[in-house]
Amino acid sequence: MSNYQLLNIFYKVNFLLIFLSCDTNSPSEYSLCKDLTEKDNVYLLDNNIYNGVCKIIDTDITINEKFIKEGKIYAEKGYYFPSGNIKYEGKIKNDSLSGKYFQYHNNGEFSVKGKFFKGYPDGKWKKYDNSGKLISTQFFKKGELIKTKF
């Protein structure tokens, strides 16, 4: 068998594996968070462990989205401005913000970029004005502010 044939088989097998592993929920499908129940820190829908996105909607505007896998929140986009633009987004691990965090001005420009570690600011955090100009950089270590640069 030639290298070309082996490569062709490799691509077909990978495509098939990716296709079969795709989530059956399309991004346009979601549940309302109020329809979920929580039992032992696991989210359920109709007594089944929930996988997907749940939304909190107020007067036809999504104000919060929670991304849930195996009943646990792994990411959250939340608190949208009345305009519909997102206000912040972050990842949740073990019920605390953990990982990259972004906060935005109403015009869509970044307001804050940073990361959390077990619910505490950690590492470099950048603050921006509403035109996108960097205002300051702060350095944290597990929630403790180490220094600020202007």
Protein backbone atom coordinates (compact mmCIF):
# COMPACT_ATOMS: atom_id res chain seq x y z
CA MET A 1 0.00 0.00 0.00
CA SER A 2 1.39 3.41 -0.94
CA ASN A 3 1.88 6.31 1.46
CA TYR A 4 -0.86 8.18 -0.39
CA GLN A 5 -3.37 5.35 0.20
CA LEU A 6 -2.43 5.13 3.90
CA LEU A 7 -2.80 8.88 4.30
CA ASN A 8 -6.16 8.79 2.54
CA ILE A 9 -7.41 6.04 4.91
CA PHE A 10 -6.06 7.99 7.89
CA TYR A 11 -8.03 11.12 6.89
CA LYS A 12 -11.23 9.16 6.27
CA VAL A 13 -11.00 7.40 9.66
CA ASN A 14 -10.29 10.70 11.47
CA PHE A 15 -13.20 12.40 9.70
CA LEU A 16 -15.50 9.56 10.70
CA LEU A 17 -14.32 9.67 14.34
CA ILE A 18 -14.79 13.45 14.50
CA PHE A 19 -18.23 13.19 12.89
CA LEU A 20 -19.35 10.45 15.29
CA SER A 21 -18.06 12.31 18.35
CA CYS A 22 -19.89 15.55 17.53
CA ASP A 23 -22.54 16.69 20.00
CA THR A 24 -26.03 16.00 18.74
CA ASN A 25 -27.28 19.39 20.01
CA SER A 26 -26.84 22.10 17.44
CA PRO A 27 -25.64 25.46 18.79
CA SER A 28 -29.11 26.89 18.23
CA GLU A 29 -30.66 24.35 20.63
CA TYR A 30 -30.68 25.17 24.32
CA SER A 31 -32.71 24.80 27.50
CA LEU A 32 -33.80 27.45 29.91
CA CYS A 33 -31.79 27.29 33.13
CA LYS A 34 -35.02 27.53 35.11
CA ASP A 35 -36.09 24.18 33.59
CA LEU A 36 -33.02 22.40 35.03
CA THR A 37 -32.86 20.96 38.51
CA GLU A 38 -29.73 20.66 40.58
CA LYS A 39 -29.08 17.61 42.71
CA ASP A 40 -25.75 17.00 44.47
CA ASN A 41 -24.16 19.80 42.36
CA VAL A 42 -25.20 18.11 39.12
CA TYR A 43 -27.63 19.74 36.67
CA LEU A 44 -30.49 17.55 35.44
CA LEU A 45 -33.20 17.95 32.83
CA ASP A 46 -36.16 15.61 33.24
CA ASN A 47 -34.10 13.60 35.79
CA ASN A 48 -31.32 13.01 33.24
CA ILE A 49 -27.79 14.44 33.50
CA TYR A 50 -27.77 17.55 31.31
CA ASN A 51 -25.32 18.18 28.47
CA GLY A 52 -25.68 21.42 26.54
CA VAL A 53 -26.29 25.11 27.00
CA CYS A 54 -28.85 26.63 29.31
CA LYS A 55 -29.87 30.26 29.11
CA ILE A 56 -31.40 32.79 31.44
CA ILE A 57 -33.60 35.08 29.38
CA ASP A 58 -35.24 38.30 30.53
CA THR A 59 -37.58 40.20 28.22
CA ASP A 60 -36.32 38.35 25.13
CA ILE A 61 -32.64 39.12 25.87
CA THR A 62 -30.26 36.37 26.89
CA ILE A 63 -28.55 37.60 30.04
CA ASN A 64 -26.59 34.47 30.89
CA GLU A 65 -25.49 31.23 29.20
CA LYS A 66 -24.09 28.23 31.03
CA PHE A 67 -22.25 25.51 29.14
CA ILE A 68 -22.82 22.18 30.88
CA LYS A 69 -21.16 18.82 30.27
CA GLU A 70 -22.05 15.72 32.28
CA GLY A 71 -24.14 17.90 34.59
CA LYS A 72 -21.31 20.30 35.51
CA ILE A 73 -20.83 23.89 34.35
CA TYR A 74 -17.55 24.17 32.45
CA ALA A 75 -17.95 27.65 30.97
CA GLU A 76 -20.22 30.61 31.31
CA LYS A 77 -21.04 33.65 29.23
CA GLY A 78 -23.01 36.04 31.18
CA TYR A 79 -24.71 39.18 32.02
CA TYR A 80 -25.25 40.73 28.67
CA PHE A 81 -25.88 44.46 28.29
CA PRO A 82 -29.44 45.49 27.30
CA SER A 83 -28.04 46.01 23.77
CA GLY A 84 -27.39 42.25 23.61
CA ASN A 85 -23.59 42.63 23.71
CA ILE A 86 -21.84 40.32 26.15
CA LYS A 87 -20.58 41.83 29.40
CA TYR A 88 -18.25 39.03 30.53
CA GLU A 89 -17.27 35.44 29.86
CA GLY A 90 -15.23 32.96 31.82
CA LYS A 91 -14.68 29.30 32.54
CA ILE A 92 -15.85 27.52 35.66
CA LYS A 93 -14.09 24.56 37.24
CA ASN A 94 -15.19 22.97 40.52
CA ASP A 95 -17.82 25.70 40.98
CA SER A 96 -15.24 28.56 40.80
CA LEU A 97 -14.04 30.82 38.01
CA SER A 98 -10.88 29.26 36.64
CA GLY A 99 -8.90 30.04 33.52
CA LYS A 100 -9.26 32.88 31.04
CA TYR A 101 -11.69 35.69 31.85
CA PHE A 102 -12.85 38.51 29.59
CA GLN A 103 -14.98 41.54 30.43
CA TYR A 104 -16.27 43.95 27.80
CA HIS A 105 -17.52 47.50 27.46
CA ASN A 106 -21.02 47.91 26.01
CA ASN A 107 -19.48 48.78 22.63
CA GLY A 108 -17.81 45.34 22.47
CA GLU A 109 -14.26 46.53 23.26
CA PHE A 110 -12.38 44.64 25.96
CA SER A 111 -12.62 46.12 29.43
CA VAL A 112 -10.56 43.50 31.29
CA LYS A 113 -8.50 40.46 30.29
CA GLY A 114 -7.10 38.09 32.87
CA LYS A 115 -7.33 34.64 34.33
CA PHE A 116 -8.63 33.10 37.51
CA PHE A 117 -7.15 30.32 39.60
CA LYS A 118 -9.66 28.60 41.90
CA GLY A 119 -11.82 31.74 41.96
CA TYR A 120 -8.96 34.21 42.53
CA PRO A 121 -7.34 36.60 40.04
CA ASP A 122 -3.96 35.18 39.08
CA GLY A 123 -1.18 36.32 36.77
CA LYS A 124 -1.40 39.31 34.44
CA TRP A 125 -4.63 41.33 34.25
CA LYS A 126 -5.05 44.10 31.67
CA LYS A 127 -7.61 46.92 31.91
CA TYR A 128 -8.72 48.91 28.85
CA ASP A 129 -10.75 52.07 28.27
CA ASN A 130 -13.84 51.93 26.03
CA SER A 131 -11.76 52.74 22.93
CA GLY A 132 -9.54 49.69 23.50
CA LYS A 133 -6.54 51.61 24.87
CA LEU A 134 -4.61 49.81 27.63
CA ILE A 135 -5.02 51.67 30.93
CA SER A 136 -3.12 49.45 33.35
CA THR A 137 -1.64 46.02 33.90
CA GLN A 138 -1.93 44.36 37.28
CA PHE A 139 -0.12 41.27 38.48
CA PHE A 140 -1.81 38.90 40.94
CA LYS A 141 -0.71 35.77 42.74
CA LYS A 142 -3.67 33.66 43.88
CA GLY A 143 -5.81 36.74 44.53
CA GLU A 144 -3.13 38.96 46.03
CA LEU A 145 -2.24 42.09 44.05
CA ILE A 146 1.55 42.11 43.55
CA LYS A 147 2.03 45.26 41.44
CA THR A 148 0.32 47.63 39.03
CA LYS A 149 1.79 49.26 35.90
CA PHE A 150 0.18 52.31 34.31
